[in-house]
Amino acid sequence: MVKPVAARQSVSAAILRGVVVRQTVMVCVLAVVAYLAVWWGFSEEDEPASTMPVFLTDYSKAEKGSCVRFDGPGENDLGLTVVDCKGARAALKVGTVLDDTSGKCPRGDYKVLRDTRHNAALCLLPNAAEGDCFEFDTDDLQRSVVSKFDCAAPRVNVQVVGVASGSCPEEAELGVPYEEMTLCLRRVR
């Protein structure tokens, strides 16, 4: 009789271990699903749901007027994502696509990204409208990380007071000229 009791106990223990393992796996799966749902919910606030981001590794395929954001930790990474220009992360807009890495951008202070693999370059300018706030180096846009923020953010250093076809209004402290417009800015901090 000792053997059947021991056998029943080992079967019960195996069943209990199986239940515990299944419960642990289920809790882990639910935690991952909950995390992804929260991440998706918050990330969707920045980009309108109507657009599908397109990862762009060949800069020659970029279109003038499309907005982009960098993928990865820094702007030196090859690869941009084309995003809706109305999204909060759309800080840069393609001003011109050059079909040669040695080409020059038109008149203006563009941020230039060169793609030597596809022999193309992008001339990028801030995706700006009146009232937008940015953090960027107004003296050297090429080396600057260009980020758009809520105007109350402590990192903001300039605010757009106008996008003019000619000269800037009086409240503008500096004008950044581009081929088709002048970005009129005032320093915030």
N, C-alpha and C. Protein backbone atom coordinates (compact mmCIF):
# COMPACT_ATOMS: atom_id res chain seq x y z
N MET A 1 0.80 -1.21 0.00
CA MET A 1 0.00 0.00 0.00
C MET A 1 0.83 1.27 0.00
N VAL A 2 2.04 1.14 0.39
CA VAL A 2 2.89 2.31 0.43
C VAL A 2 3.16 2.80 -0.98
N LYS A 3 3.36 1.88 -1.90
CA LYS A 3 3.67 2.27 -3.26
C LYS A 3 2.54 3.02 -3.94
N PRO A 4 1.27 2.57 -3.85
CA PRO A 4 0.22 3.34 -4.51
C PRO A 4 0.08 4.77 -3.95
N VAL A 5 0.28 4.96 -2.66
CA VAL A 5 0.18 6.30 -2.08
C VAL A 5 1.32 7.17 -2.60
N ALA A 6 2.53 6.61 -2.66
CA ALA A 6 3.67 7.37 -3.17
C ALA A 6 3.46 7.70 -4.64
N ALA A 7 2.91 6.75 -5.39
CA ALA A 7 2.65 6.98 -6.81
C ALA A 7 1.62 8.09 -6.97
N ARG A 8 0.56 8.06 -6.12
CA ARG A 8 -0.46 9.10 -6.20
C ARG A 8 0.12 10.46 -5.82
N GLN A 9 1.00 10.48 -4.83
CA GLN A 9 1.61 11.74 -4.43
C GLN A 9 2.50 12.30 -5.54
N SER A 10 3.28 11.44 -6.21
CA SER A 10 4.14 11.93 -7.28
C SER A 10 3.31 12.39 -8.48
N VAL A 11 2.20 11.70 -8.75
CA VAL A 11 1.31 12.15 -9.83
C VAL A 11 0.68 13.48 -9.45
N SER A 12 0.26 13.62 -8.22
CA SER A 12 -0.33 14.89 -7.76
C SER A 12 0.69 16.01 -7.82
N ALA A 13 1.92 15.72 -7.41
CA ALA A 13 2.98 16.73 -7.46
C ALA A 13 3.26 17.13 -8.90
N ALA A 14 3.29 16.18 -9.82
CA ALA A 14 3.53 16.49 -11.23
C ALA A 14 2.41 17.34 -11.80
N ILE A 15 1.18 17.01 -11.45
CA ILE A 15 0.03 17.79 -11.92
C ILE A 15 0.11 19.21 -11.36
N LEU A 16 0.45 19.32 -10.07
CA LEU A 16 0.56 20.63 -9.44
C LEU A 16 1.67 21.46 -10.09
N ARG A 17 2.83 20.83 -10.37
CA ARG A 17 3.91 21.54 -11.04
C ARG A 17 3.47 22.01 -12.43
N GLY A 18 2.74 21.16 -13.14
CA GLY A 18 2.25 21.54 -14.47
C GLY A 18 1.31 22.72 -14.40
N VAL A 19 0.44 22.75 -13.41
CA VAL A 19 -0.49 23.86 -13.24
C VAL A 19 0.28 25.14 -12.91
N VAL A 20 1.25 25.05 -12.03
CA VAL A 20 2.04 26.22 -11.65
C VAL A 20 2.80 26.75 -12.87
N VAL A 21 3.39 25.86 -13.65
CA VAL A 21 4.13 26.29 -14.85
C VAL A 21 3.18 26.97 -15.82
N ARG A 22 2.01 26.38 -16.05
CA ARG A 22 1.05 27.00 -16.98
C ARG A 22 0.59 28.35 -16.48
N GLN A 23 0.35 28.47 -15.18
CA GLN A 23 -0.07 29.76 -14.63
C GLN A 23 1.04 30.80 -14.78
N THR A 24 2.27 30.39 -14.53
CA THR A 24 3.40 31.31 -14.67
C THR A 24 3.54 31.78 -16.11
N VAL A 25 3.44 30.85 -17.04
CA VAL A 25 3.52 31.20 -18.46
C VAL A 25 2.38 32.14 -18.83
N MET A 26 1.19 31.86 -18.37
CA MET A 26 0.02 32.69 -18.68
C MET A 26 0.20 34.10 -18.11
N VAL A 27 0.71 34.21 -16.88
CA VAL A 27 0.93 35.54 -16.29
C VAL A 27 1.97 36.31 -17.10
N CYS A 28 3.04 35.63 -17.52
CA CYS A 28 4.07 36.29 -18.33
C CYS A 28 3.51 36.76 -19.67
N VAL A 29 2.73 35.92 -20.32
CA VAL A 29 2.13 36.28 -21.61
C VAL A 29 1.20 37.48 -21.44
N LEU A 30 0.38 37.45 -20.41
CA LEU A 30 -0.54 38.56 -20.17
C LEU A 30 0.22 39.85 -19.84
N ALA A 31 1.33 39.74 -19.11
CA ALA A 31 2.13 40.93 -18.80
C ALA A 31 2.72 41.53 -20.07
N VAL A 32 3.21 40.69 -20.97
CA VAL A 32 3.76 41.19 -22.23
C VAL A 32 2.67 41.83 -23.07
N VAL A 33 1.52 41.21 -23.16
CA VAL A 33 0.40 41.76 -23.92
C VAL A 33 -0.04 43.11 -23.33
N ALA A 34 -0.11 43.19 -22.00
CA ALA A 34 -0.50 44.45 -21.36
C ALA A 34 0.54 45.54 -21.63
N TYR A 35 1.82 45.20 -21.54
CA TYR A 35 2.88 46.16 -21.83
C TYR A 35 2.77 46.67 -23.26
N LEU A 36 2.60 45.76 -24.21
CA LEU A 36 2.49 46.17 -25.62
C LEU A 36 1.26 47.03 -25.86
N ALA A 37 0.16 46.71 -25.19
CA ALA A 37 -1.06 47.51 -25.36
C ALA A 37 -0.85 48.93 -24.82
N VAL A 38 -0.20 49.06 -23.68
CA VAL A 38 0.07 50.38 -23.11
C VAL A 38 1.03 51.15 -24.01
N TRP A 39 2.11 50.48 -24.46
CA TRP A 39 3.08 51.14 -25.34
C TRP A 39 2.41 51.60 -26.63
N TRP A 40 1.60 50.76 -27.23
CA TRP A 40 0.90 51.10 -28.46
C TRP A 40 -0.03 52.28 -28.23
N GLY A 41 -0.76 52.25 -27.11
CA GLY A 41 -1.70 53.32 -26.81
C GLY A 41 -1.02 54.67 -26.68
N PHE A 42 0.12 54.72 -26.00
CA PHE A 42 0.83 55.98 -25.83
C PHE A 42 1.56 56.40 -27.09
N SER A 43 2.09 55.46 -27.86
CA SER A 43 2.82 55.84 -29.06
C SER A 43 1.88 56.33 -30.15
N GLU A 44 0.66 55.93 -30.15
CA GLU A 44 -0.29 56.36 -31.17
C GLU A 44 -0.70 57.81 -31.00
N GLU A 45 -0.50 58.38 -29.78
CA GLU A 45 -0.86 59.79 -29.58
C GLU A 45 0.03 60.71 -30.41
N ASP A 46 1.27 60.28 -30.66
CA ASP A 46 2.22 61.12 -31.39
C ASP A 46 1.98 61.11 -32.89
N GLU A 47 1.53 60.02 -33.42
CA GLU A 47 1.36 59.89 -34.86
C GLU A 47 -0.11 59.61 -35.17
N PRO A 48 -0.69 60.29 -36.12
CA PRO A 48 -2.06 59.99 -36.50
C PRO A 48 -2.19 58.54 -36.98
N ALA A 49 -3.29 57.89 -36.62
CA ALA A 49 -3.47 56.48 -36.93
C ALA A 49 -3.68 56.22 -38.42
N SER A 50 -3.97 57.24 -39.18
CA SER A 50 -4.30 57.04 -40.58
C SER A 50 -3.10 56.76 -41.46
N THR A 51 -1.88 56.95 -40.94
CA THR A 51 -0.70 56.75 -41.77
C THR A 51 0.12 55.58 -41.27
N MET A 52 0.72 54.87 -42.20
CA MET A 52 1.63 53.79 -41.86
C MET A 52 3.04 54.33 -42.04
N PRO A 53 3.87 54.33 -40.97
CA PRO A 53 5.24 54.81 -41.13
C PRO A 53 6.00 53.93 -42.12
N VAL A 54 6.84 54.54 -42.92
CA VAL A 54 7.65 53.84 -43.91
C VAL A 54 9.11 54.02 -43.53
N PHE A 55 9.82 52.91 -43.33
CA PHE A 55 11.24 52.97 -43.01
C PHE A 55 12.00 53.21 -44.30
N LEU A 56 12.83 54.23 -44.31
CA LEU A 56 13.52 54.65 -45.52
C LEU A 56 15.03 54.47 -45.34
N THR A 57 15.61 53.53 -46.08
CA THR A 57 17.06 53.34 -46.03
C THR A 57 17.71 53.85 -47.31
N ASP A 58 16.96 54.04 -48.36
CA ASP A 58 17.47 54.57 -49.62
C ASP A 58 16.95 56.00 -49.75
N TYR A 59 17.81 56.98 -49.46
CA TYR A 59 17.37 58.37 -49.44
C TYR A 59 16.93 58.88 -50.80
N SER A 60 17.34 58.21 -51.86
CA SER A 60 16.93 58.65 -53.20
C SER A 60 15.43 58.43 -53.40
N LYS A 61 14.79 57.63 -52.56
CA LYS A 61 13.36 57.35 -52.68
C LYS A 61 12.51 58.32 -51.85
N ALA A 62 13.14 59.24 -51.15
CA ALA A 62 12.40 60.22 -50.35
C ALA A 62 11.69 61.20 -51.28
N GLU A 63 10.61 61.75 -50.79
CA GLU A 63 9.84 62.72 -51.57
C GLU A 63 9.90 64.08 -50.91
N LYS A 64 10.08 65.11 -51.72
CA LYS A 64 10.09 66.48 -51.22
C LYS A 64 8.77 66.76 -50.50
N GLY A 65 8.88 67.37 -49.32
CA GLY A 65 7.69 67.71 -48.54
C GLY A 65 7.29 66.65 -47.53
N SER A 66 7.86 65.44 -47.61
CA SER A 66 7.52 64.42 -46.62
C SER A 66 8.30 64.67 -45.33
N CYS A 67 7.73 64.28 -44.23
CA CYS A 67 8.37 64.49 -42.93
C CYS A 67 9.02 63.19 -42.47
N VAL A 68 10.12 63.33 -41.74
CA VAL A 68 10.89 62.17 -41.31
C VAL A 68 11.29 62.30 -39.85
N ARG A 69 11.56 61.15 -39.25
CA ARG A 69 12.17 61.11 -37.93
C ARG A 69 13.26 60.05 -37.97
N PHE A 70 14.27 60.23 -37.15
CA PHE A 70 15.39 59.31 -37.12
C PHE A 70 15.01 58.06 -36.34
N ASP A 71 15.53 56.93 -36.77
CA ASP A 71 15.37 55.68 -36.03
C ASP A 71 16.67 55.36 -35.34
N GLY A 72 16.57 54.90 -34.15
CA GLY A 72 17.77 54.57 -33.40
C GLY A 72 18.11 55.69 -32.44
N PRO A 73 19.22 55.52 -31.74
CA PRO A 73 19.55 56.47 -30.68
C PRO A 73 20.09 57.80 -31.17
N GLY A 74 20.58 57.88 -32.39
CA GLY A 74 21.15 59.14 -32.84
C GLY A 74 20.88 59.40 -34.30
N GLU A 75 21.21 60.58 -34.74
CA GLU A 75 20.94 60.97 -36.11
C GLU A 75 21.97 60.43 -37.10
N ASN A 76 23.01 59.78 -36.62
CA ASN A 76 24.00 59.22 -37.53
C ASN A 76 23.59 57.84 -38.04
N ASP A 77 22.52 57.29 -37.50
CA ASP A 77 22.04 55.99 -37.95
C ASP A 77 21.51 56.11 -39.36
N LEU A 78 21.84 55.14 -40.20
CA LEU A 78 21.23 55.13 -41.53
C LEU A 78 19.81 54.64 -41.35
N GLY A 79 18.91 55.37 -41.85
CA GLY A 79 17.51 54.97 -41.77
C GLY A 79 16.66 56.04 -41.14
N LEU A 80 15.65 56.41 -41.85
CA LEU A 80 14.67 57.38 -41.39
C LEU A 80 13.31 56.74 -41.54
N THR A 81 12.38 57.19 -40.75
CA THR A 81 11.01 56.77 -40.93
C THR A 81 10.22 57.96 -41.44
N VAL A 82 9.51 57.76 -42.53
CA VAL A 82 8.63 58.79 -43.07
C VAL A 82 7.37 58.78 -42.21
N VAL A 83 7.01 59.94 -41.66
CA VAL A 83 5.87 60.04 -40.76
C VAL A 83 4.93 61.14 -41.24
N ASP A 84 3.74 61.14 -40.71
CA ASP A 84 2.76 62.18 -41.03
C ASP A 84 3.29 63.51 -40.49
N CYS A 85 3.24 64.53 -41.29
CA CYS A 85 3.77 65.84 -40.90
C CYS A 85 3.00 66.46 -39.74
N LYS A 86 1.81 66.00 -39.44
CA LYS A 86 1.02 66.54 -38.34
C LYS A 86 1.37 65.87 -37.02
N GLY A 87 2.16 64.79 -37.05
CA GLY A 87 2.54 64.07 -35.84
C GLY A 87 3.52 64.85 -34.99
N ALA A 88 3.50 64.61 -33.70
CA ALA A 88 4.38 65.33 -32.78
C ALA A 88 5.85 65.02 -33.01
N ARG A 89 6.17 63.86 -33.56
CA ARG A 89 7.57 63.48 -33.78
C ARG A 89 8.12 63.96 -35.12
N ALA A 90 7.32 64.61 -35.90
CA ALA A 90 7.74 65.05 -37.24
C ALA A 90 8.46 66.38 -37.14
N ALA A 91 9.71 66.35 -36.72
CA ALA A 91 10.47 67.59 -36.53
C ALA A 91 11.16 68.05 -37.80
N LEU A 92 11.40 67.14 -38.74
CA LEU A 92 12.13 67.49 -39.96
C LEU A 92 11.33 67.16 -41.20
N LYS A 93 11.51 68.01 -42.22
CA LYS A 93 10.81 67.84 -43.49
C LYS A 93 11.86 67.82 -44.61
N VAL A 94 11.61 66.99 -45.62
CA VAL A 94 12.51 66.92 -46.77
C VAL A 94 12.28 68.15 -47.63
N GLY A 95 13.32 68.98 -47.74
CA GLY A 95 13.23 70.17 -48.58
C GLY A 95 13.62 69.84 -50.01
N THR A 96 14.68 69.06 -50.18
CA THR A 96 15.18 68.69 -51.50
C THR A 96 15.84 67.33 -51.41
N VAL A 97 15.70 66.54 -52.47
CA VAL A 97 16.40 65.26 -52.59
C VAL A 97 17.45 65.44 -53.69
N LEU A 98 18.71 65.24 -53.33
CA LEU A 98 19.81 65.37 -54.29
C LEU A 98 20.18 64.00 -54.83
N ASP A 99 20.44 63.90 -56.13
CA ASP A 99 20.78 62.62 -56.73
C ASP A 99 22.29 62.38 -56.77
N ASP A 100 23.01 63.09 -55.92
CA ASP A 100 24.45 62.93 -55.85
C ASP A 100 24.89 63.36 -54.45
N THR A 101 25.71 62.55 -53.79
CA THR A 101 26.14 62.90 -52.43
C THR A 101 27.02 64.14 -52.38
N SER A 102 27.61 64.51 -53.49
CA SER A 102 28.43 65.72 -53.51
C SER A 102 27.62 66.95 -53.91
N GLY A 103 26.33 66.76 -54.16
CA GLY A 103 25.47 67.88 -54.55
C GLY A 103 25.28 68.88 -53.43
N LYS A 104 24.87 70.08 -53.77
CA LYS A 104 24.65 71.14 -52.80
C LYS A 104 23.16 71.44 -52.68
N CYS A 105 22.74 71.70 -51.47
CA CYS A 105 21.35 72.07 -51.23
C CYS A 105 21.12 73.48 -51.77
N PRO A 106 19.86 73.80 -52.10
CA PRO A 106 19.55 75.16 -52.54
C PRO A 106 19.80 76.15 -51.39
N ARG A 107 19.57 77.41 -51.66
CA ARG A 107 19.76 78.45 -50.65
C ARG A 107 19.07 78.05 -49.34
N GLY A 108 19.80 78.12 -48.25
CA GLY A 108 19.20 77.83 -46.96
C GLY A 108 20.13 77.08 -46.02
N ASP A 109 19.72 77.05 -44.77
CA ASP A 109 20.50 76.39 -43.73
C ASP A 109 19.89 75.01 -43.46
N TYR A 110 20.14 74.09 -44.38
CA TYR A 110 19.57 72.75 -44.30
C TYR A 110 20.43 71.83 -43.46
N LYS A 111 19.82 70.84 -42.89
CA LYS A 111 20.53 69.71 -42.28
C LYS A 111 20.68 68.71 -43.41
N VAL A 112 21.90 68.30 -43.74
CA VAL A 112 22.15 67.45 -44.89
C VAL A 112 22.51 66.05 -44.42
N LEU A 113 21.82 65.05 -44.96
CA LEU A 113 22.14 63.65 -44.71
C LEU A 113 22.56 63.04 -46.02
N ARG A 114 23.71 62.40 -46.02
CA ARG A 114 24.23 61.79 -47.25
C ARG A 114 24.14 60.28 -47.17
N ASP A 115 23.70 59.66 -48.23
CA ASP A 115 23.56 58.20 -48.36
C ASP A 115 24.52 57.74 -49.45
N THR A 116 25.72 57.35 -49.06
CA THR A 116 26.74 56.98 -50.05
C THR A 116 26.41 55.64 -50.73
N ARG A 117 25.65 54.79 -50.06
CA ARG A 117 25.28 53.51 -50.68
C ARG A 117 24.42 53.71 -51.92
N HIS A 118 23.56 54.73 -51.90
CA HIS A 118 22.64 54.97 -53.01
C HIS A 118 22.95 56.28 -53.73
N ASN A 119 24.08 56.91 -53.38
CA ASN A 119 24.52 58.16 -54.00
C ASN A 119 23.39 59.21 -54.02
N ALA A 120 22.88 59.48 -52.85
CA ALA A 120 21.80 60.46 -52.71
C ALA A 120 22.02 61.26 -51.42
N ALA A 121 21.39 62.39 -51.34
CA ALA A 121 21.46 63.21 -50.13
C ALA A 121 20.11 63.89 -49.91
N LEU A 122 19.82 64.15 -48.65
CA LEU A 122 18.58 64.85 -48.31
C LEU A 122 18.92 66.20 -47.68
N CYS A 123 18.22 67.21 -48.12
CA CYS A 123 18.31 68.54 -47.52
C CYS A 123 17.08 68.68 -46.63
N LEU A 124 17.29 68.65 -45.31
CA LEU A 124 16.18 68.66 -44.36
C LEU A 124 16.06 70.02 -43.69
N LEU A 125 14.82 70.44 -43.45
CA LEU A 125 14.55 71.68 -42.75
C LEU A 125 13.53 71.38 -41.66
N PRO A 126 13.44 72.24 -40.65
CA PRO A 126 12.46 71.99 -39.60
C PRO A 126 11.03 71.98 -40.15
N ASN A 127 10.24 71.04 -39.70
CA ASN A 127 8.82 70.98 -40.05
C ASN A 127 8.11 71.95 -39.10
N ALA A 128 7.98 73.17 -39.51
CA ALA A 128 7.56 74.22 -38.59
C ALA A 128 6.33 74.97 -39.06
N ALA A 129 5.52 75.32 -38.09
CA ALA A 129 4.37 76.20 -38.31
C ALA A 129 4.41 77.24 -37.20
N GLU A 130 3.74 78.34 -37.39
CA GLU A 130 3.73 79.39 -36.38
C GLU A 130 3.27 78.82 -35.04
N GLY A 131 4.02 79.12 -33.98
CA GLY A 131 3.69 78.65 -32.63
C GLY A 131 4.45 77.39 -32.22
N ASP A 132 5.05 76.66 -33.16
CA ASP A 132 5.81 75.46 -32.82
C ASP A 132 7.06 75.83 -32.04
N CYS A 133 7.49 74.93 -31.17
CA CYS A 133 8.70 75.14 -30.37
C CYS A 133 9.69 74.01 -30.64
N PHE A 134 10.97 74.38 -30.70
CA PHE A 134 12.03 73.44 -31.03
C PHE A 134 13.21 73.60 -30.09
N GLU A 135 14.01 72.55 -30.07
CA GLU A 135 15.35 72.63 -29.52
C GLU A 135 16.28 72.36 -30.69
N PHE A 136 17.06 73.34 -31.06
CA PHE A 136 18.13 73.13 -32.03
C PHE A 136 19.09 74.30 -31.99
N ASP A 137 20.28 74.03 -32.47
CA ASP A 137 21.34 75.04 -32.49
C ASP A 137 21.09 75.95 -33.69
N THR A 138 20.69 77.18 -33.43
CA THR A 138 20.38 78.10 -34.52
C THR A 138 21.62 78.56 -35.26
N ASP A 139 22.80 78.40 -34.66
CA ASP A 139 24.04 78.77 -35.33
C ASP A 139 24.58 77.67 -36.23
N ASP A 140 24.22 76.42 -35.95
CA ASP A 140 24.74 75.31 -36.74
C ASP A 140 23.69 74.20 -36.84
N LEU A 141 22.72 74.41 -37.71
CA LEU A 141 21.65 73.43 -37.88
C LEU A 141 22.19 72.09 -38.36
N GLN A 142 23.24 72.11 -39.15
CA GLN A 142 23.81 70.87 -39.69
C GLN A 142 24.24 69.93 -38.56
N ARG A 143 24.87 70.43 -37.54
CA ARG A 143 25.35 69.58 -36.45
C ARG A 143 24.32 69.40 -35.35
N SER A 144 23.26 70.13 -35.40
CA SER A 144 22.27 70.13 -34.33
C SER A 144 21.29 68.97 -34.45
N VAL A 145 20.88 68.45 -33.31
CA VAL A 145 19.75 67.54 -33.25
C VAL A 145 18.52 68.43 -33.24
N VAL A 146 17.61 68.22 -34.15
CA VAL A 146 16.41 69.06 -34.25
C VAL A 146 15.25 68.29 -33.62
N SER A 147 14.69 68.84 -32.55
CA SER A 147 13.60 68.18 -31.84
C SER A 147 12.47 69.16 -31.61
N LYS A 148 11.25 68.70 -31.86
CA LYS A 148 10.06 69.52 -31.64
C LYS A 148 9.47 69.12 -30.29
N PHE A 149 9.12 70.12 -29.48
CA PHE A 149 8.58 69.87 -28.15
C PHE A 149 7.37 70.75 -27.89
N ASP A 150 6.66 70.42 -26.83
CA ASP A 150 5.64 71.30 -26.30
C ASP A 150 6.38 72.55 -25.81
N CYS A 151 5.80 73.70 -25.98
CA CYS A 151 6.50 74.95 -25.66
C CYS A 151 6.85 75.10 -24.19
N ALA A 152 6.22 74.34 -23.31
CA ALA A 152 6.53 74.41 -21.88
C ALA A 152 7.73 73.53 -21.51
N ALA A 153 8.22 72.72 -22.43
CA ALA A 153 9.34 71.82 -22.14
C ALA A 153 10.60 72.62 -21.84
N PRO A 154 11.39 72.18 -20.86
CA PRO A 154 12.59 72.94 -20.50
C PRO A 154 13.68 72.94 -21.58
N ARG A 155 13.63 72.01 -22.51
CA ARG A 155 14.66 71.92 -23.55
C ARG A 155 14.43 72.88 -24.72
N VAL A 156 13.26 73.48 -24.80
CA VAL A 156 12.93 74.38 -25.91
C VAL A 156 13.82 75.61 -25.87
N ASN A 157 14.39 75.98 -27.01
CA ASN A 157 15.19 77.21 -27.04
C ASN A 157 14.71 78.21 -28.10
N VAL A 158 13.85 77.78 -29.04
CA VAL A 158 13.29 78.71 -30.02
C VAL A 158 11.82 78.40 -30.28
N GLN A 159 11.08 79.46 -30.64
CA GLN A 159 9.69 79.32 -31.03
C GLN A 159 9.51 79.98 -32.38
N VAL A 160 8.71 79.34 -33.22
CA VAL A 160 8.43 79.87 -34.55
C VAL A 160 7.38 80.97 -34.41
N VAL A 161 7.73 82.18 -34.86
CA VAL A 161 6.77 83.29 -34.82
C VAL A 161 6.20 83.57 -36.20
N GLY A 162 6.71 82.86 -37.20
CA GLY A 162 6.17 83.01 -38.54
C GLY A 162 6.94 82.19 -39.56
N VAL A 163 6.26 81.85 -40.63
CA VAL A 163 6.88 81.22 -41.79
C VAL A 163 6.54 82.16 -42.94
N ALA A 164 7.54 82.92 -43.38
CA ALA A 164 7.30 84.01 -44.32
C ALA A 164 7.85 83.69 -45.70
N SER A 165 7.24 84.29 -46.70
CA SER A 165 7.77 84.16 -48.06
C SER A 165 8.83 85.23 -48.32
N GLY A 166 8.87 86.23 -47.46
CA GLY A 166 9.85 87.31 -47.60
C GLY A 166 10.55 87.54 -46.28
N SER A 167 10.40 88.77 -45.76
CA SER A 167 11.07 89.10 -44.51
C SER A 167 10.20 88.71 -43.31
N CYS A 168 10.84 88.61 -42.16
CA CYS A 168 10.16 88.18 -40.93
C CYS A 168 9.49 89.35 -40.24
N PRO A 169 8.48 89.08 -39.39
CA PRO A 169 7.85 90.14 -38.60
C PRO A 169 8.82 90.67 -37.54
N GLU A 170 8.49 91.81 -36.94
CA GLU A 170 9.37 92.47 -35.98
C GLU A 170 9.69 91.62 -34.76
N GLU A 171 8.75 90.82 -34.29
CA GLU A 171 8.99 90.02 -33.07
C GLU A 171 9.99 88.89 -33.28
N ALA A 172 10.35 88.63 -34.51
CA ALA A 172 11.33 87.59 -34.80
C ALA A 172 12.74 88.10 -34.50
N GLU A 173 13.50 87.30 -33.77
CA GLU A 173 14.88 87.67 -33.46
C GLU A 173 15.84 87.22 -34.55
N LEU A 174 15.46 86.18 -35.26
CA LEU A 174 16.31 85.72 -36.35
C LEU A 174 15.47 85.04 -37.41
N GLY A 175 15.96 85.12 -38.62
CA GLY A 175 15.30 84.47 -39.75
C GLY A 175 16.24 83.44 -40.35
N VAL A 176 15.72 82.25 -40.56
CA VAL A 176 16.51 81.18 -41.17
C VAL A 176 15.96 81.01 -42.59
N PRO A 177 16.73 81.43 -43.60
CA PRO A 177 16.22 81.39 -44.97
C PRO A 177 16.32 80.00 -45.59
N TYR A 178 15.34 79.70 -46.40
CA TYR A 178 15.32 78.49 -47.22
C TYR A 178 14.91 78.90 -48.62
N GLU A 179 14.96 77.97 -49.53
CA GLU A 179 14.69 78.28 -50.93
C GLU A 179 13.31 78.91 -51.12
N GLU A 180 12.30 78.35 -50.47
CA GLU A 180 10.93 78.79 -50.72
C GLU A 180 10.30 79.58 -49.58
N MET A 181 11.04 79.74 -48.47
CA MET A 181 10.47 80.44 -47.32
C MET A 181 11.56 80.85 -46.35
N THR A 182 11.18 81.67 -45.38
CA THR A 182 12.06 82.05 -44.28
C THR A 182 11.39 81.64 -42.98
N LEU A 183 12.12 80.91 -42.15
CA LEU A 183 11.63 80.48 -40.86
C LEU A 183 11.97 81.58 -39.86
N CYS A 184 10.96 82.19 -39.27
CA CYS A 184 11.13 83.33 -38.37
C CYS A 184 11.04 82.83 -36.93
N LEU A 185 12.11 83.06 -36.15
CA LEU A 185 12.21 82.50 -34.81
C LEU A 185 12.47 83.56 -33.76
N ARG A 186 12.08 83.24 -32.54
CA ARG A 186 12.46 84.05 -31.39
C ARG A 186 13.04 83.09 -30.35
N ARG A 187 14.04 83.55 -29.64
CA ARG A 187 14.67 82.72 -28.61
C ARG A 187 13.75 82.63 -27.40
N VAL A 188 13.67 81.45 -26.82
CA VAL A 188 12.81 81.24 -25.67
C VAL A 188 13.62 81.28 -24.39
N ARG A 189 14.79 80.70 -24.38
CA ARG A 189 15.65 80.66 -23.18
C ARG A 189 17.04 81.08 -23.53
